[in-house]
Amino acid sequence: MADPLPVILSFRTCEHPPARRFSEWQAINAPSHTVTRPASDPPFVTDAFVCTFGDLVLSHARFSSQLFSRTSQHIRRDYLDHFALFAQGEGSRTLLFGPDETSSVAQTGDLIFCDLSQPGDSFATDGTSGTIYLPRTLVEGLLPAASDRHGTIVRGPIARLVAEHIHVVGGHMMHALQDAESHSPEPALASPHPGYHRLVRSTRELALSCLLDAFADPHAAAMADSRAAMALATRDDALRGAIIRHIDARLTDPALDIPSICAAFSLSRSALYRLFATSHDEGVARLIKRRRLARIRAVLLANQDPRPLAEIAGDYGFRTASHFSREFRAVFGYSPGELRQLDGDHPLGSAKRASSIDALFYTLSA
């Protein structure tokens, strides 16, 4: 089976009527952030690109000044259960949150470390930025207390190296998307390509090395606490993993539901709910639906089941084709029929766009 297509979110103001440019940008960000601008600012301009990048998410943007606000309401309803490394390019970003609970300013070459399960506001001037979004389990496996560093500005030689890497890779991916959309005969990035996977791996390792250099606690007491926290996390992770495998093995079973899971693992409903409680309150029933949609997507990508979409969806508990199509589009940003019609092998030219940042992260977690 071919590698999954990266899910793309791309926004360019030139593609929208001037009067609607900022409102369209606000709508894309609405699930995860409230975006505002001073009324006296000049016309709004933003070119932004976000895509899945292996097990990471990568973004690159050039934008006019704006205020981003992430609240507890956003956190409860979205899927951004990640840490983020924002690389400040041109311009500056003022943080109105952080470990010292005071405002601080990131300049060119700085990194901003954010825990997306915590609120925060930031004001970005005209400029550029790039971001790597790292899975929570990946970061906390090395730095269990990473969430305590929310809002920290990381500086120094290694931070500058990582920031430059983020901008270079993000710019390269953006150009690859533009090449694909213009039907370039020689796209900037082909797939499958071993170099792509090496680039993902080196990007991940470079980001984690930077965080270890900046945040690793050398004190023995702290290390002991970390070991205890990791032991508890490992226990819960193992049980969650077993339950997810149980779900995945029964996705076509109409009897798969919360009572049957509780019975299989001798858990009460409350214990099961606590185990899967996350910042976005997904819930076990929604997890089951998401795993079913992800499995159907994998079946369609494999292109080995010629049956009508309604029959395939029916195997996974979707009663009608219209209901299935709505749910599929809400998660992946495109219809199952569109996915079935893919005929290109360019990872960005063939990829389908998510409808919002929230939908993109939802896809990554499937």
Protein backbone atom coordinates (compact mmCIF):
# COMPACT_ATOMS: atom_id res chain seq x y z
CA MET A 1 0.00 0.00 0.00
CA ALA A 2 1.27 3.46 -0.81
CA ASP A 3 2.12 5.93 1.93
CA PRO A 4 -0.91 7.94 3.11
CA LEU A 5 -1.33 11.24 1.33
CA PRO A 6 -0.46 14.27 3.45
CA VAL A 7 -3.50 16.34 4.28
CA ILE A 8 -3.05 19.92 3.18
CA LEU A 9 -4.42 23.19 4.43
CA SER A 10 -3.45 26.06 2.16
CA PHE A 11 -4.67 29.66 2.31
CA ARG A 12 -3.72 32.52 0.01
CA THR A 13 -5.46 35.86 0.14
CA CYS A 14 -5.18 36.24 -3.63
CA GLU A 15 -7.67 33.36 -3.96
CA HIS A 16 -10.40 35.25 -2.07
CA PRO A 17 -12.34 38.47 -2.68
CA PRO A 18 -10.73 41.38 -0.76
CA ALA A 19 -13.79 41.98 1.40
CA ARG A 20 -13.85 38.35 2.58
CA ARG A 21 -10.16 37.58 2.98
CA PHE A 22 -9.89 38.10 6.71
CA SER A 23 -13.25 36.50 7.52
CA GLU A 24 -12.24 33.40 5.53
CA TRP A 25 -8.97 33.22 7.45
CA GLN A 26 -10.85 33.59 10.74
CA ALA A 27 -13.16 30.73 9.77
CA ILE A 28 -10.27 28.38 9.02
CA ASN A 29 -8.71 29.12 12.41
CA ALA A 30 -11.96 29.27 14.41
CA PRO A 31 -11.83 25.73 15.89
CA SER A 32 -8.38 26.33 17.41
CA HIS A 33 -7.90 30.12 17.72
CA THR A 34 -9.78 33.37 17.64
CA VAL A 35 -7.98 35.72 15.23
CA THR A 36 -8.46 39.49 15.39
CA ARG A 37 -6.79 42.59 13.89
CA PRO A 38 -6.70 46.28 14.82
CA ALA A 39 -9.26 48.17 12.74
CA SER A 40 -6.63 50.67 11.60
CA ASP A 41 -4.33 48.03 10.06
CA PRO A 42 -3.67 48.06 6.30
CA PRO A 43 -5.32 45.48 4.00
CA PHE A 44 -5.01 41.90 5.20
CA VAL A 45 -2.52 39.61 3.46
CA THR A 46 -1.71 36.03 4.50
CA ASP A 47 -0.19 33.09 2.63
CA ALA A 48 -0.16 29.98 4.81
CA PHE A 49 0.49 26.29 4.30
CA VAL A 50 0.02 23.38 6.74
CA CYS A 51 0.49 19.66 6.08
CA THR A 52 1.08 16.38 7.82
CA PHE A 53 4.78 15.56 7.78
CA GLY A 54 5.25 11.96 8.85
CA ASP A 55 4.03 11.87 12.46
CA LEU A 56 4.54 15.63 12.71
CA VAL A 57 2.64 18.61 11.34
CA LEU A 58 4.52 21.36 9.53
CA SER A 59 3.43 24.91 8.73
CA HIS A 60 4.90 27.94 7.00
CA ALA A 61 3.31 31.38 6.63
CA ARG A 62 3.75 35.00 5.64
CA PHE A 63 1.13 37.25 7.16
CA SER A 64 -0.07 40.69 8.18
CA SER A 65 -0.18 41.63 11.88
CA GLN A 66 -2.84 39.80 13.89
CA LEU A 67 -3.70 38.58 17.38
CA PHE A 68 -4.13 34.85 18.02
CA SER A 69 -6.10 33.83 21.11
CA ARG A 70 -6.39 30.23 22.27
CA THR A 71 -8.89 29.73 25.10
CA SER A 72 -10.09 26.86 27.26
CA GLN A 73 -13.16 26.65 25.02
CA HIS A 74 -10.95 26.02 21.97
CA ILE A 75 -8.95 23.42 23.87
CA ARG A 76 -12.03 21.47 24.91
CA ARG A 77 -13.38 21.15 21.37
CA ASP A 78 -10.40 20.72 19.03
CA TYR A 79 -7.80 18.07 18.25
CA LEU A 80 -4.53 19.90 18.78
CA ASP A 81 -3.14 17.64 21.51
CA HIS A 82 0.41 18.54 20.54
CA PHE A 83 3.38 20.65 21.51
CA ALA A 84 4.44 23.31 19.03
CA LEU A 85 7.79 24.84 18.17
CA PHE A 86 7.12 28.20 16.50
CA ALA A 87 10.11 29.52 14.57
CA GLN A 88 10.01 33.30 14.36
CA GLY A 89 11.17 34.62 11.01
CA GLU A 90 10.78 38.22 9.92
CA GLY A 91 8.94 40.49 12.36
CA SER A 92 8.25 39.65 15.99
CA ARG A 93 5.68 37.91 18.19
CA THR A 94 4.65 39.12 21.64
CA LEU A 95 3.50 36.35 23.99
CA LEU A 96 0.90 37.19 26.59
CA PHE A 97 1.43 33.95 28.51
CA GLY A 98 4.27 31.71 29.65
CA PRO A 99 5.98 30.26 32.72
CA ASP A 100 6.53 33.73 34.25
CA GLU A 101 2.98 34.88 33.39
CA THR A 102 4.40 38.06 31.87
CA SER A 103 4.60 39.25 28.29
CA SER A 104 7.74 38.44 26.31
CA VAL A 105 8.83 39.10 22.75
CA ALA A 106 10.25 36.59 20.28
CA GLN A 107 12.52 38.00 17.58
CA THR A 108 13.97 36.59 14.36
CA GLY A 109 15.71 33.26 15.01
CA ASP A 110 13.89 32.54 18.29
CA LEU A 111 11.79 29.46 18.97
CA ILE A 112 8.58 29.55 21.02
CA PHE A 113 7.61 26.33 22.81
CA CYS A 114 3.87 25.93 23.37
CA ASP A 115 1.66 23.27 24.91
CA LEU A 116 -1.54 23.35 22.87
CA SER A 117 -3.52 21.93 25.79
CA GLN A 118 -3.00 25.27 27.56
CA PRO A 119 -4.44 28.69 26.67
CA GLY A 120 -2.44 31.66 25.48
CA ASP A 121 -2.53 34.84 23.41
CA SER A 122 0.12 36.17 21.05
CA PHE A 123 0.40 39.20 18.81
CA ALA A 124 2.34 38.76 15.57
CA THR A 125 3.61 41.73 13.58
CA ASP A 126 3.88 41.63 9.79
CA GLY A 127 6.35 38.88 9.01
CA THR A 128 6.95 35.16 8.57
CA SER A 129 6.87 32.10 10.78
CA GLY A 130 7.17 28.35 10.59
CA THR A 131 6.00 25.70 13.03
CA ILE A 132 6.58 22.06 13.86
CA TYR A 133 3.78 20.39 15.82
CA LEU A 134 5.09 17.43 17.84
CA PRO A 135 2.88 14.62 19.22
CA ARG A 136 2.44 14.85 22.98
CA THR A 137 3.57 11.27 23.59
CA LEU A 138 6.78 11.90 21.64
CA VAL A 139 7.76 14.95 23.71
CA GLU A 140 6.59 13.76 27.13
CA GLY A 141 8.38 10.44 26.61
CA LEU A 142 11.63 12.45 26.84
CA LEU A 143 10.47 15.40 28.95
CA PRO A 144 7.58 14.40 31.23
CA ALA A 145 7.33 17.95 32.64
CA ALA A 146 7.35 19.62 29.23
CA SER A 147 3.97 21.25 29.81
CA ASP A 148 5.55 23.38 32.58
CA ARG A 149 7.58 25.13 29.84
CA HIS A 150 4.51 26.39 27.96
CA GLY A 151 5.27 29.81 26.49
CA THR A 152 9.05 29.59 26.85
CA ILE A 153 11.18 31.42 24.28
CA VAL A 154 14.19 29.25 23.38
CA ARG A 155 17.32 31.03 22.20
CA GLY A 156 20.89 30.11 21.36
CA PRO A 157 22.84 28.40 18.57
CA ILE A 158 20.80 25.18 18.53
CA ALA A 159 17.51 27.08 18.60
CA ARG A 160 18.63 29.22 15.65
CA LEU A 161 19.63 26.08 13.76
CA VAL A 162 16.21 24.50 14.35
CA ALA A 163 14.41 27.72 13.42
CA GLU A 164 16.33 27.93 10.15
CA HIS A 165 15.60 24.27 9.42
CA ILE A 166 11.86 24.81 9.99
CA HIS A 167 11.83 27.77 7.59
CA VAL A 168 13.83 25.94 4.91
CA VAL A 169 11.72 22.77 5.04
CA GLY A 170 8.46 24.70 5.27
CA GLY A 171 9.41 26.90 2.33
CA HIS A 172 10.40 23.85 0.30
CA MET A 173 7.08 22.13 0.99
CA MET A 174 5.14 25.27 0.12
CA HIS A 175 6.96 25.56 -3.20
CA ALA A 176 6.28 21.87 -3.86
CA LEU A 177 2.57 22.49 -3.38
CA GLN A 178 2.66 25.48 -5.70
CA ASP A 179 4.53 23.44 -8.31
CA ALA A 180 1.96 20.66 -8.06
CA GLU A 181 -0.98 23.05 -8.35
CA SER A 182 0.52 24.61 -11.48
CA HIS A 183 0.99 21.10 -13.00
CA SER A 184 4.75 21.40 -13.14
CA PRO A 185 6.27 18.60 -15.27
CA GLU A 186 8.96 18.10 -12.63
CA PRO A 187 7.41 18.54 -9.16
CA ALA A 188 9.69 19.66 -6.37
CA LEU A 189 9.03 16.58 -4.25
CA ALA A 190 8.15 13.14 -5.59
CA SER A 191 6.60 10.23 -3.69
CA PRO A 192 7.44 7.66 -2.64
CA HIS A 193 10.95 8.99 -2.08
CA PRO A 194 13.43 7.79 0.59
CA GLY A 195 14.72 11.31 1.05
CA TYR A 196 11.31 12.48 2.25
CA HIS A 197 11.29 9.98 5.11
CA ARG A 198 14.87 10.86 6.07
CA LEU A 199 13.87 14.52 6.12
CA VAL A 200 10.95 13.78 8.47
CA ARG A 201 13.22 11.76 10.76
CA SER A 202 16.00 14.36 10.87
CA THR A 203 13.48 17.14 11.52
CA ARG A 204 11.97 15.21 14.43
CA GLU A 205 15.36 14.41 15.93
CA LEU A 206 16.64 17.95 15.56
CA ALA A 207 13.56 19.40 17.29
CA LEU A 208 13.74 16.90 20.16
CA SER A 209 17.47 17.49 20.61
CA CYS A 210 16.81 21.20 20.92
CA LEU A 211 14.15 20.62 23.58
CA LEU A 212 16.40 18.29 25.54
CA ASP A 213 19.20 20.84 25.42
CA ALA A 214 16.88 23.61 26.61
CA PHE A 215 14.71 21.82 29.18
CA ALA A 216 16.39 18.66 30.50
CA ASP A 217 16.47 18.80 34.32
CA PRO A 218 19.76 17.53 35.78
CA HIS A 219 18.55 17.18 39.38
CA ALA A 220 18.17 13.65 40.72
CA ALA A 221 14.97 14.42 42.61
CA ALA A 222 13.30 15.72 39.53
CA MET A 223 14.47 12.66 37.63
CA ALA A 224 12.93 10.41 40.28
CA ASP A 225 9.62 12.21 39.99
CA SER A 226 9.84 11.89 36.23
CA ARG A 227 10.41 8.14 36.47
CA ALA A 228 7.33 7.76 38.69
CA ALA A 229 5.22 9.84 36.31
CA MET A 230 6.52 7.87 33.33
CA ALA A 231 5.68 4.57 35.04
CA LEU A 232 2.06 5.65 35.54
CA ALA A 233 1.89 7.00 32.01
CA THR A 234 3.34 3.77 30.63
CA ARG A 235 0.72 1.73 32.44
CA ASP A 236 -2.14 3.83 31.08
CA ASP A 237 -0.59 3.97 27.61
CA ALA A 238 -0.38 0.17 27.53
CA LEU A 239 -4.05 -0.18 28.50
CA ARG A 240 -5.16 2.47 26.01
CA GLY A 241 -3.14 0.72 23.32
CA ALA A 242 -4.77 -2.63 24.14
CA ILE A 243 -8.24 -1.09 23.98
CA ILE A 244 -7.51 0.61 20.64
CA ARG A 245 -6.23 -2.69 19.23
CA HIS A 246 -9.41 -4.35 20.51
CA ILE A 247 -11.49 -1.67 18.74
CA ASP A 248 -9.47 -1.94 15.52
CA ALA A 249 -9.97 -5.71 15.42
CA ARG A 250 -13.77 -5.28 15.66
CA LEU A 251 -14.51 -2.26 13.48
CA THR A 252 -17.03 -4.22 11.38
CA ASP A 253 -18.72 -5.76 14.45
CA PRO A 254 -22.14 -4.12 15.09
CA ALA A 255 -21.84 -5.17 18.76
CA LEU A 256 -18.77 -2.98 19.29
CA ASP A 257 -19.80 -0.34 21.84
CA ILE A 258 -18.84 1.06 25.23
CA PRO A 259 -20.50 -1.73 27.32
CA SER A 260 -18.74 -4.45 25.33
CA ILE A 261 -15.36 -2.72 25.78
CA CYS A 262 -15.95 -2.35 29.52
CA ALA A 263 -16.81 -6.04 29.77
CA ALA A 264 -13.76 -7.12 27.77
CA PHE A 265 -11.36 -5.17 30.01
CA SER A 266 -13.23 -5.39 33.34
CA LEU A 267 -13.54 -1.60 33.51
CA SER A 268 -16.35 0.59 34.73
CA ARG A 269 -17.69 3.25 32.38
CA SER A 270 -16.11 5.99 34.48
CA ALA A 271 -12.72 4.25 34.45
CA LEU A 272 -12.89 3.87 30.67
CA TYR A 273 -13.88 7.51 30.23
CA ARG A 274 -11.03 8.68 32.50
CA LEU A 275 -8.55 6.60 30.57
CA PHE A 276 -9.48 8.31 27.33
CA ALA A 277 -10.10 11.77 28.76
CA THR A 278 -8.12 14.29 26.69
CA SER A 279 -7.97 18.02 26.22
CA HIS A 280 -10.55 17.80 23.45
CA ASP A 281 -12.97 15.43 25.28
CA GLU A 282 -13.26 13.17 22.27
CA GLY A 283 -15.03 10.33 24.06
CA VAL A 284 -14.85 6.61 23.37
CA ALA A 285 -17.86 6.50 21.05
CA ARG A 286 -16.35 9.19 18.86
CA LEU A 287 -13.03 7.35 18.92
CA ILE A 288 -14.74 4.25 17.53
CA LYS A 289 -16.32 6.27 14.73
CA ARG A 290 -13.00 7.95 13.93
CA ARG A 291 -11.17 4.60 13.75
CA ARG A 292 -13.87 3.27 11.43
CA LEU A 293 -13.54 6.28 9.13
CA ALA A 294 -9.75 5.93 9.14
CA ARG A 295 -10.06 2.23 8.22
CA ILE A 296 -12.41 3.04 5.34
CA ARG A 297 -9.97 5.69 4.14
CA ALA A 298 -7.17 3.09 4.19
CA VAL A 299 -9.37 0.69 2.19
CA LEU A 300 -10.03 3.37 -0.43
CA LEU A 301 -6.36 4.31 -0.63
CA ALA A 302 -5.43 0.66 -1.17
CA ASN A 303 -7.89 0.60 -4.10
CA GLN A 304 -8.52 -3.13 -3.68
CA ASP A 305 -12.26 -3.13 -2.92
CA PRO A 306 -14.33 -2.30 -6.04
CA ARG A 307 -17.72 -2.36 -4.26
CA PRO A 308 -19.88 0.79 -4.10
CA LEU A 309 -18.99 3.19 -1.30
CA ALA A 310 -22.33 2.59 0.43
CA GLU A 311 -21.60 -1.13 0.77
CA ILE A 312 -18.13 -0.54 2.20
CA ALA A 313 -19.48 2.05 4.63
CA GLY A 314 -22.28 -0.31 5.65
CA ASP A 315 -19.71 -2.87 6.79
CA TYR A 316 -18.53 -0.29 9.34
CA GLY A 317 -21.93 0.66 10.72
CA PHE A 318 -22.84 3.67 8.59
CA ARG A 319 -26.52 3.26 7.80
CA THR A 320 -26.76 5.56 4.77
CA ALA A 321 -24.36 6.74 2.09
CA SER A 322 -25.18 10.40 2.76
CA HIS A 323 -24.48 10.08 6.49
CA PHE A 324 -21.18 8.36 5.76
CA SER A 325 -20.15 10.97 3.18
CA ARG A 326 -20.91 13.84 5.60
CA GLU A 327 -18.91 12.26 8.41
CA PHE A 328 -16.00 11.44 6.08
CA ARG A 329 -15.82 14.98 4.68
CA ALA A 330 -16.07 16.51 8.17
CA VAL A 331 -12.98 14.59 9.26
CA PHE A 332 -10.79 14.56 6.14
CA GLY A 333 -11.89 17.68 4.28
CA TYR A 334 -12.89 15.85 1.09
CA SER A 335 -15.46 13.25 0.07
CA PRO A 336 -14.80 9.50 -0.21
CA GLY A 337 -15.66 9.74 -3.88
CA GLU A 338 -12.91 12.33 -4.43
CA LEU A 339 -10.40 10.09 -2.69
CA ARG A 340 -11.33 7.19 -4.93
CA GLN A 341 -10.69 9.29 -8.03
CA LEU A 342 -7.07 10.12 -7.15
CA ASP A 343 -4.73 9.19 -9.98
CA GLY A 344 -1.55 11.17 -9.27
CA ASP A 345 1.50 10.16 -7.27
CA HIS A 346 2.74 13.60 -6.25
CA PRO A 347 2.33 13.77 -2.45
CA LEU A 348 1.22 17.40 -2.46
CA GLY A 349 -0.45 17.56 -5.84
CA SER A 350 -2.55 14.49 -5.06
CA ALA A 351 -3.28 15.36 -1.45
CA LYS A 352 -6.64 16.79 -0.50
CA ARG A 353 -7.04 19.89 1.61
CA ALA A 354 -8.52 19.94 5.09
CA SER A 355 -11.35 22.40 5.67
CA SER A 356 -9.74 23.79 8.83
CA ILE A 357 -6.71 23.39 11.09
CA ASP A 358 -8.92 21.34 13.40
CA ALA A 359 -9.80 18.87 10.63
CA LEU A 360 -6.14 18.48 9.70
CA PHE A 361 -5.14 17.46 13.25
CA TYR A 362 -8.20 15.23 13.50
CA THR A 363 -6.92 13.39 10.43
CA LEU A 364 -3.43 13.03 11.89
CA SER A 365 -4.78 11.44 15.06
CA ALA A 366 -6.86 8.86 13.16
